[in-house]
């Protein structure tokens, strides 16, 4: 799949994302990769229904993203959800509603496409998830969707990515063990992802 896309989709912000912990913090532990699970789709559906009910028309899109959204792809057992709102910087329009629905405002990264992240509270009994919030028109949202659809339809790249994920998890387990950070696992995968983006976004 080759797409003619605006240069913005090929680039990443160069400024500091400005990570700000809110109700959560960076968590260390073993990076565990599971074989594909049939319940991941229903876990997403339950969470999506909760988010849509909480926000109503402010939820412009609620999409299952990340590896658990690709059938046949191993993944960390955490559902990734990407939520579009009119303006992610305007927290007054959505934070309270999501908190009332049992979600914890985990952190914000204003310098990375105004990204905010929520997670279900332990008390909610919901499946573990990372709920990523971006503003309407966010290039990162579009990249996530294109990446997901490519992996769903390209078995060669899907299998290659699965191998990279397993290798990254094994490498970080060997070096960091219980002290591992997900961001370090992601850095190991990054060269493959950036190369795949380059190939997808070739005019």
C-alpha atoms as a PDB file:
ATOM      1  CA  UNK A   1       0.000   0.000   0.000  1.00  0.00           C
ATOM      2  CA  UNK A   2       1.508   3.319  -1.054  1.00  0.00           C
ATOM      3  CA  UNK A   3      -0.188   6.619  -0.274  1.00  0.00           C
ATOM      4  CA  UNK A   4       0.297  10.151  -1.489  1.00  0.00           C
ATOM      5  CA  UNK A   5       0.210  12.056   1.789  1.00  0.00           C
ATOM      6  CA  UNK A   6       0.977  15.544   3.085  1.00  0.00           C
ATOM      7  CA  UNK A   7       4.528  16.038   4.448  1.00  0.00           C
ATOM      8  CA  UNK A   8       3.011  16.533   7.906  1.00  0.00           C
ATOM      9  CA  UNK A   9       2.240  12.824   8.081  1.00  0.00           C
ATOM     10  CA  UNK A  10       5.890  11.984   7.454  1.00  0.00           C
ATOM     11  CA  UNK A  11       7.243  14.216  10.215  1.00  0.00           C
ATOM     12  CA  UNK A  12       7.166  14.173  13.997  1.00  0.00           C
ATOM     13  CA  UNK A  13       7.196  17.188  16.327  1.00  0.00           C
ATOM     14  CA  UNK A  14      10.727  18.241  17.235  1.00  0.00           C
ATOM     15  CA  UNK A  15       9.862  20.027  20.467  1.00  0.00           C
ATOM     16  CA  UNK A  16       9.856  18.389  23.893  1.00  0.00           C
ATOM     17  CA  UNK A  17       6.506  16.593  24.355  1.00  0.00           C
ATOM     18  CA  UNK A  18       6.351  18.103  27.832  1.00  0.00           C
ATOM     19  CA  UNK A  19       5.337  14.970  29.781  1.00  0.00           C
ATOM     20  CA  UNK A  20       3.234  15.925  32.805  1.00  0.00           C
ATOM     21  CA  UNK A  21       2.044  13.237  35.212  1.00  0.00           C
ATOM     22  CA  UNK A  22      -1.502  13.872  36.432  1.00  0.00           C
ATOM     23  CA  UNK A  23      -3.152  10.929  38.187  1.00  0.00           C
ATOM     24  CA  UNK A  24      -0.631   8.315  37.084  1.00  0.00           C
ATOM     25  CA  UNK A  25       3.080   7.841  36.699  1.00  0.00           C
ATOM     26  CA  UNK A  26       5.619   5.972  34.606  1.00  0.00           C
ATOM     27  CA  UNK A  27       5.308   2.321  35.587  1.00  0.00           C
ATOM     28  CA  UNK A  28       8.167  -0.152  35.642  1.00  0.00           C
ATOM     29  CA  UNK A  29       7.815  -3.915  35.325  1.00  0.00           C
ATOM     30  CA  UNK A  30       8.180  -6.876  33.004  1.00  0.00           C
ATOM     31  CA  UNK A  31       7.188  -6.231  29.392  1.00  0.00           C
ATOM     32  CA  UNK A  32       4.907  -9.170  28.656  1.00  0.00           C
ATOM     33  CA  UNK A  33       3.813 -10.059  25.119  1.00  0.00           C
ATOM     34  CA  UNK A  34       0.810 -12.381  24.706  1.00  0.00           C
ATOM     35  CA  UNK A  35      -0.352 -14.330  21.709  1.00  0.00           C
ATOM     36  CA  UNK A  36      -3.505 -12.862  20.096  1.00  0.00           C
ATOM     37  CA  UNK A  37      -6.608 -13.115  22.299  1.00  0.00           C
ATOM     38  CA  UNK A  38     -10.166 -13.268  20.949  1.00  0.00           C
ATOM     39  CA  UNK A  39     -11.499 -11.185  23.866  1.00  0.00           C
ATOM     40  CA  UNK A  40      -9.461  -8.098  22.932  1.00  0.00           C
ATOM     41  CA  UNK A  41     -12.146  -7.047  20.443  1.00  0.00           C
ATOM     42  CA  UNK A  42     -14.924  -7.271  23.023  1.00  0.00           C
ATOM     43  CA  UNK A  43     -12.753  -5.545  25.642  1.00  0.00           C
ATOM     44  CA  UNK A  44     -12.421  -2.629  23.234  1.00  0.00           C
ATOM     45  CA  UNK A  45     -16.147  -2.626  22.434  1.00  0.00           C
ATOM     46  CA  UNK A  46     -17.043  -2.366  26.131  1.00  0.00           C
ATOM     47  CA  UNK A  47     -14.638   0.502  26.707  1.00  0.00           C
ATOM     48  CA  UNK A  48     -15.706   2.300  23.522  1.00  0.00           C
ATOM     49  CA  UNK A  49     -19.346   2.124  24.591  1.00  0.00           C
ATOM     50  CA  UNK A  50     -18.429   3.587  27.990  1.00  0.00           C
ATOM     51  CA  UNK A  51     -16.464   6.459  26.421  1.00  0.00           C
ATOM     52  CA  UNK A  52     -19.133   7.213  23.835  1.00  0.00           C
ATOM     53  CA  UNK A  53     -21.826   7.261  26.503  1.00  0.00           C
ATOM     54  CA  UNK A  54     -19.755   9.550  28.734  1.00  0.00           C
ATOM     55  CA  UNK A  55     -18.896  12.105  26.038  1.00  0.00           C
ATOM     56  CA  UNK A  56     -21.778  11.884  23.595  1.00  0.00           C
ATOM     57  CA  UNK A  57     -21.141  13.975  20.446  1.00  0.00           C
ATOM     58  CA  UNK A  58     -17.797  15.228  21.825  1.00  0.00           C
ATOM     59  CA  UNK A  59     -16.372  11.788  21.040  1.00  0.00           C
ATOM     60  CA  UNK A  60     -15.701  12.423  17.356  1.00  0.00           C
ATOM     61  CA  UNK A  61     -14.021   9.049  16.917  1.00  0.00           C
ATOM     62  CA  UNK A  62     -13.323   6.121  19.240  1.00  0.00           C
ATOM     63  CA  UNK A  63     -10.993   3.662  17.528  1.00  0.00           C
ATOM     64  CA  UNK A  64      -9.290   0.441  18.518  1.00  0.00           C
ATOM     65  CA  UNK A  65      -5.597   1.007  17.743  1.00  0.00           C
ATOM     66  CA  UNK A  66      -2.294  -0.583  18.683  1.00  0.00           C
ATOM     67  CA  UNK A  67      -1.403  -4.240  18.345  1.00  0.00           C
ATOM     68  CA  UNK A  68      -4.523  -5.612  20.066  1.00  0.00           C
ATOM     69  CA  UNK A  69      -6.539  -4.141  17.175  1.00  0.00           C
ATOM     70  CA  UNK A  70      -4.785  -6.326  14.580  1.00  0.00           C
ATOM     71  CA  UNK A  71      -6.022  -9.918  14.390  1.00  0.00           C
ATOM     72  CA  UNK A  72      -3.092 -12.327  14.508  1.00  0.00           C
ATOM     73  CA  UNK A  73      -0.627  -9.910  16.090  1.00  0.00           C
ATOM     74  CA  UNK A  74       0.881 -10.632  19.529  1.00  0.00           C
ATOM     75  CA  UNK A  75       0.662  -7.728  21.959  1.00  0.00           C
ATOM     76  CA  UNK A  76       0.969  -6.485  25.485  1.00  0.00           C
ATOM     77  CA  UNK A  77      -2.415  -7.306  27.094  1.00  0.00           C
ATOM     78  CA  UNK A  78      -3.449  -3.650  27.204  1.00  0.00           C
ATOM     79  CA  UNK A  79      -6.136  -2.269  24.909  1.00  0.00           C
ATOM     80  CA  UNK A  80      -5.096   0.877  23.057  1.00  0.00           C
ATOM     81  CA  UNK A  81      -7.940   3.246  22.228  1.00  0.00           C
ATOM     82  CA  UNK A  82      -7.613   6.477  20.288  1.00  0.00           C
ATOM     83  CA  UNK A  83     -10.229   9.111  21.040  1.00  0.00           C
ATOM     84  CA  UNK A  84     -10.697  12.268  19.007  1.00  0.00           C
ATOM     85  CA  UNK A  85     -12.263  15.326  20.613  1.00  0.00           C
ATOM     86  CA  UNK A  86     -12.706  18.801  19.113  1.00  0.00           C
ATOM     87  CA  UNK A  87      -9.801  20.259  21.125  1.00  0.00           C
ATOM     88  CA  UNK A  88      -7.672  18.081  23.407  1.00  0.00           C
ATOM     89  CA  UNK A  89      -6.199  21.190  25.020  1.00  0.00           C
ATOM     90  CA  UNK A  90      -9.663  22.174  26.286  1.00  0.00           C
ATOM     91  CA  UNK A  91      -9.724  19.703  29.156  1.00  0.00           C
ATOM     92  CA  UNK A  92     -12.821  21.283  30.668  1.00  0.00           C
ATOM     93  CA  UNK A  93     -14.930  19.708  27.918  1.00  0.00           C
ATOM     94  CA  UNK A  94     -14.095  16.055  28.563  1.00  0.00           C
ATOM     95  CA  UNK A  95     -11.966  15.352  31.662  1.00  0.00           C
ATOM     96  CA  UNK A  96     -14.719  15.386  34.284  1.00  0.00           C
ATOM     97  CA  UNK A  97     -17.025  13.181  32.186  1.00  0.00           C
ATOM     98  CA  UNK A  98     -14.330  10.566  31.658  1.00  0.00           C
ATOM     99  CA  UNK A  99     -13.389  10.598  35.337  1.00  0.00           C
ATOM    100  CA  UNK A 100     -17.029  10.104  36.309  1.00  0.00           C
ATOM    101  CA  UNK A 101     -17.072   7.080  33.994  1.00  0.00           C
ATOM    102  CA  UNK A 102     -14.280   5.454  36.015  1.00  0.00           C
ATOM    103  CA  UNK A 103     -11.236   6.581  34.049  1.00  0.00           C
ATOM    104  CA  UNK A 104      -8.078   8.109  35.518  1.00  0.00           C
ATOM    105  CA  UNK A 105      -6.423  11.095  33.848  1.00  0.00           C
ATOM    106  CA  UNK A 106      -2.946   9.552  33.640  1.00  0.00           C
ATOM    107  CA  UNK A 107      -0.770  12.145  31.939  1.00  0.00           C
ATOM    108  CA  UNK A 108      -0.594  14.887  29.325  1.00  0.00           C
ATOM    109  CA  UNK A 109       1.995  15.652  26.639  1.00  0.00           C
ATOM    110  CA  UNK A 110       1.100  19.115  25.305  1.00  0.00           C
ATOM    111  CA  UNK A 111       4.053  19.191  22.915  1.00  0.00           C
ATOM    112  CA  UNK A 112       3.125  15.939  21.165  1.00  0.00           C
ATOM    113  CA  UNK A 113      -0.074  16.757  19.278  1.00  0.00           C
ATOM    114  CA  UNK A 114      -1.733  17.852  22.553  1.00  0.00           C
ATOM    115  CA  UNK A 115      -1.807  14.183  23.637  1.00  0.00           C
ATOM    116  CA  UNK A 116      -3.640  13.199  26.806  1.00  0.00           C
ATOM    117  CA  UNK A 117      -3.919   9.676  28.207  1.00  0.00           C
ATOM    118  CA  UNK A 118      -6.477   8.057  30.490  1.00  0.00           C
ATOM    119  CA  UNK A 119      -6.617   4.575  32.002  1.00  0.00           C
ATOM    120  CA  UNK A 120      -9.436   2.670  33.706  1.00  0.00           C
ATOM    121  CA  UNK A 121      -9.225   2.850  37.482  1.00  0.00           C
ATOM    122  CA  UNK A 122      -8.548  -0.373  39.325  1.00  0.00           C
ATOM    123  CA  UNK A 123     -11.910  -0.006  41.077  1.00  0.00           C
ATOM    124  CA  UNK A 124     -13.793   0.171  37.768  1.00  0.00           C
ATOM    125  CA  UNK A 125     -13.218  -3.506  36.980  1.00  0.00           C
ATOM    126  CA  UNK A 126     -12.611  -2.575  33.329  1.00  0.00           C
ATOM    127  CA  UNK A 127      -9.953  -4.167  31.151  1.00  0.00           C
ATOM    128  CA  UNK A 128      -6.536  -2.544  31.272  1.00  0.00           C
ATOM    129  CA  UNK A 129      -6.299   0.097  28.570  1.00  0.00           C
ATOM    130  CA  UNK A 130      -4.467   3.185  27.383  1.00  0.00           C
ATOM    131  CA  UNK A 131      -6.927   5.767  26.082  1.00  0.00           C
ATOM    132  CA  UNK A 132      -5.082   8.269  23.910  1.00  0.00           C
ATOM    133  CA  UNK A 133      -6.801  11.594  23.260  1.00  0.00           C
ATOM    134  CA  UNK A 134      -5.990  13.871  20.326  1.00  0.00           C
ATOM    135  CA  UNK A 135      -7.653  16.846  18.692  1.00  0.00           C
ATOM    136  CA  UNK A 136      -9.656  16.514  15.486  1.00  0.00           C
ATOM    137  CA  UNK A 137      -7.319  16.548  12.490  1.00  0.00           C
ATOM    138  CA  UNK A 138      -4.317  15.215  14.423  1.00  0.00           C
ATOM    139  CA  UNK A 139      -1.633  13.738  12.126  1.00  0.00           C
ATOM    140  CA  UNK A 140      -0.808  11.167  14.807  1.00  0.00           C
ATOM    141  CA  UNK A 141      -4.373   9.863  14.736  1.00  0.00           C
ATOM    142  CA  UNK A 142      -4.154   9.461  10.957  1.00  0.00           C
ATOM    143  CA  UNK A 143      -0.794   7.695  11.236  1.00  0.00           C
ATOM    144  CA  UNK A 144      -2.226   5.265  13.786  1.00  0.00           C
ATOM    145  CA  UNK A 145      -5.188   4.449  11.570  1.00  0.00           C
ATOM    146  CA  UNK A 146      -3.082   3.957   8.427  1.00  0.00           C
ATOM    147  CA  UNK A 147      -0.562   1.811  10.325  1.00  0.00           C
ATOM    148  CA  UNK A 148      -3.364  -0.349  11.742  1.00  0.00           C
ATOM    149  CA  UNK A 149      -5.036  -0.874   8.390  1.00  0.00           C
ATOM    150  CA  UNK A 150      -1.737  -1.702   6.707  1.00  0.00           C
ATOM    151  CA  UNK A 151      -0.934  -4.395   9.271  1.00  0.00           C
ATOM    152  CA  UNK A 152      -4.447  -5.809   9.048  1.00  0.00           C
ATOM    153  CA  UNK A 153      -4.046  -6.345   5.296  1.00  0.00           C
ATOM    154  CA  UNK A 154      -0.317  -7.059   4.853  1.00  0.00           C
ATOM    155  CA  UNK A 155       0.648 -10.404   6.367  1.00  0.00           C
ATOM    156  CA  UNK A 156       4.357 -10.030   5.533  1.00  0.00           C
ATOM    157  CA  UNK A 157       4.731  -6.786   7.470  1.00  0.00           C
ATOM    158  CA  UNK A 158       2.432  -8.072  10.223  1.00  0.00           C
ATOM    159  CA  UNK A 159       4.640 -11.127  10.750  1.00  0.00           C
ATOM    160  CA  UNK A 160       7.788  -8.997  10.600  1.00  0.00           C
ATOM    161  CA  UNK A 161       6.391  -6.632  13.213  1.00  0.00           C
ATOM    162  CA  UNK A 162       5.431  -9.569  15.435  1.00  0.00           C
ATOM    163  CA  UNK A 163       9.045 -10.767  15.313  1.00  0.00           C
ATOM    164  CA  UNK A 164      10.326  -7.278  16.167  1.00  0.00           C
ATOM    165  CA  UNK A 165       7.943  -7.049  19.125  1.00  0.00           C
ATOM    166  CA  UNK A 166       9.048 -10.411  20.509  1.00  0.00           C
ATOM    167  CA  UNK A 167      12.706  -9.484  20.068  1.00  0.00           C
ATOM    168  CA  UNK A 168      12.192  -6.106  21.748  1.00  0.00           C
ATOM    169  CA  UNK A 169      10.414  -7.709  24.714  1.00  0.00           C
ATOM    170  CA  UNK A 170      13.171 -10.307  25.107  1.00  0.00           C
ATOM    171  CA  UNK A 171      15.895  -7.660  24.852  1.00  0.00           C
ATOM    172  CA  UNK A 172      14.343  -5.340  27.423  1.00  0.00           C
ATOM    173  CA  UNK A 173      13.658  -8.278  29.757  1.00  0.00           C
ATOM    174  CA  UNK A 174      17.310  -9.310  29.560  1.00  0.00           C
ATOM    175  CA  UNK A 175      18.645  -5.823  30.277  1.00  0.00           C
ATOM    176  CA  UNK A 176      16.031  -4.341  32.628  1.00  0.00           C
ATOM    177  CA  UNK A 177      13.834  -7.175  33.889  1.00  0.00           C
ATOM    178  CA  UNK A 178      11.360  -5.926  36.505  1.00  0.00           C
ATOM    179  CA  UNK A 179      12.723  -2.396  36.065  1.00  0.00           C
ATOM    180  CA  UNK A 180      11.687  -2.078  32.397  1.00  0.00           C
ATOM    181  CA  UNK A 181       9.840   0.929  31.002  1.00  0.00           C
ATOM    182  CA  UNK A 182       7.426   0.656  28.083  1.00  0.00           C
ATOM    183  CA  UNK A 183       9.066   3.692  26.452  1.00  0.00           C
ATOM    184  CA  UNK A 184      12.357   1.760  26.253  1.00  0.00           C
ATOM    185  CA  UNK A 185      10.570  -1.193  24.651  1.00  0.00           C
ATOM    186  CA  UNK A 186       9.009   1.241  22.169  1.00  0.00           C
ATOM    187  CA  UNK A 187      12.404   2.740  21.315  1.00  0.00           C
ATOM    188  CA  UNK A 188      13.663  -0.690  20.252  1.00  0.00           C
ATOM    189  CA  UNK A 189      10.676  -1.078  17.921  1.00  0.00           C
ATOM    190  CA  UNK A 190      10.913   2.461  16.574  1.00  0.00           C
ATOM    191  CA  UNK A 191      13.323   1.846  13.641  1.00  0.00           C
ATOM    192  CA  UNK A 192      10.970  -0.780  12.197  1.00  0.00           C
ATOM    193  CA  UNK A 193       7.926   1.461  12.631  1.00  0.00           C
ATOM    194  CA  UNK A 194       9.608   4.487  11.065  1.00  0.00           C
ATOM    195  CA  UNK A 195      10.808   2.419   8.130  1.00  0.00           C
ATOM    196  CA  UNK A 196       7.310   1.039   7.619  1.00  0.00           C
ATOM    197  CA  UNK A 197       5.885   4.561   7.746  1.00  0.00           C
ATOM    198  CA  UNK A 198       8.410   5.605   5.112  1.00  0.00           C
ATOM    199  CA  UNK A 199       7.354   2.756   2.840  1.00  0.00           C
ATOM    200  CA  UNK A 200       3.633   3.364   3.356  1.00  0.00           C
ATOM    201  CA  UNK A 201       3.940   7.101   2.824  1.00  0.00           C
ATOM    202  CA  UNK A 202       5.844   6.901  -0.444  1.00  0.00           C
ATOM    203  CA  UNK A 203       4.330   9.070  -3.144  1.00  0.00           C
END
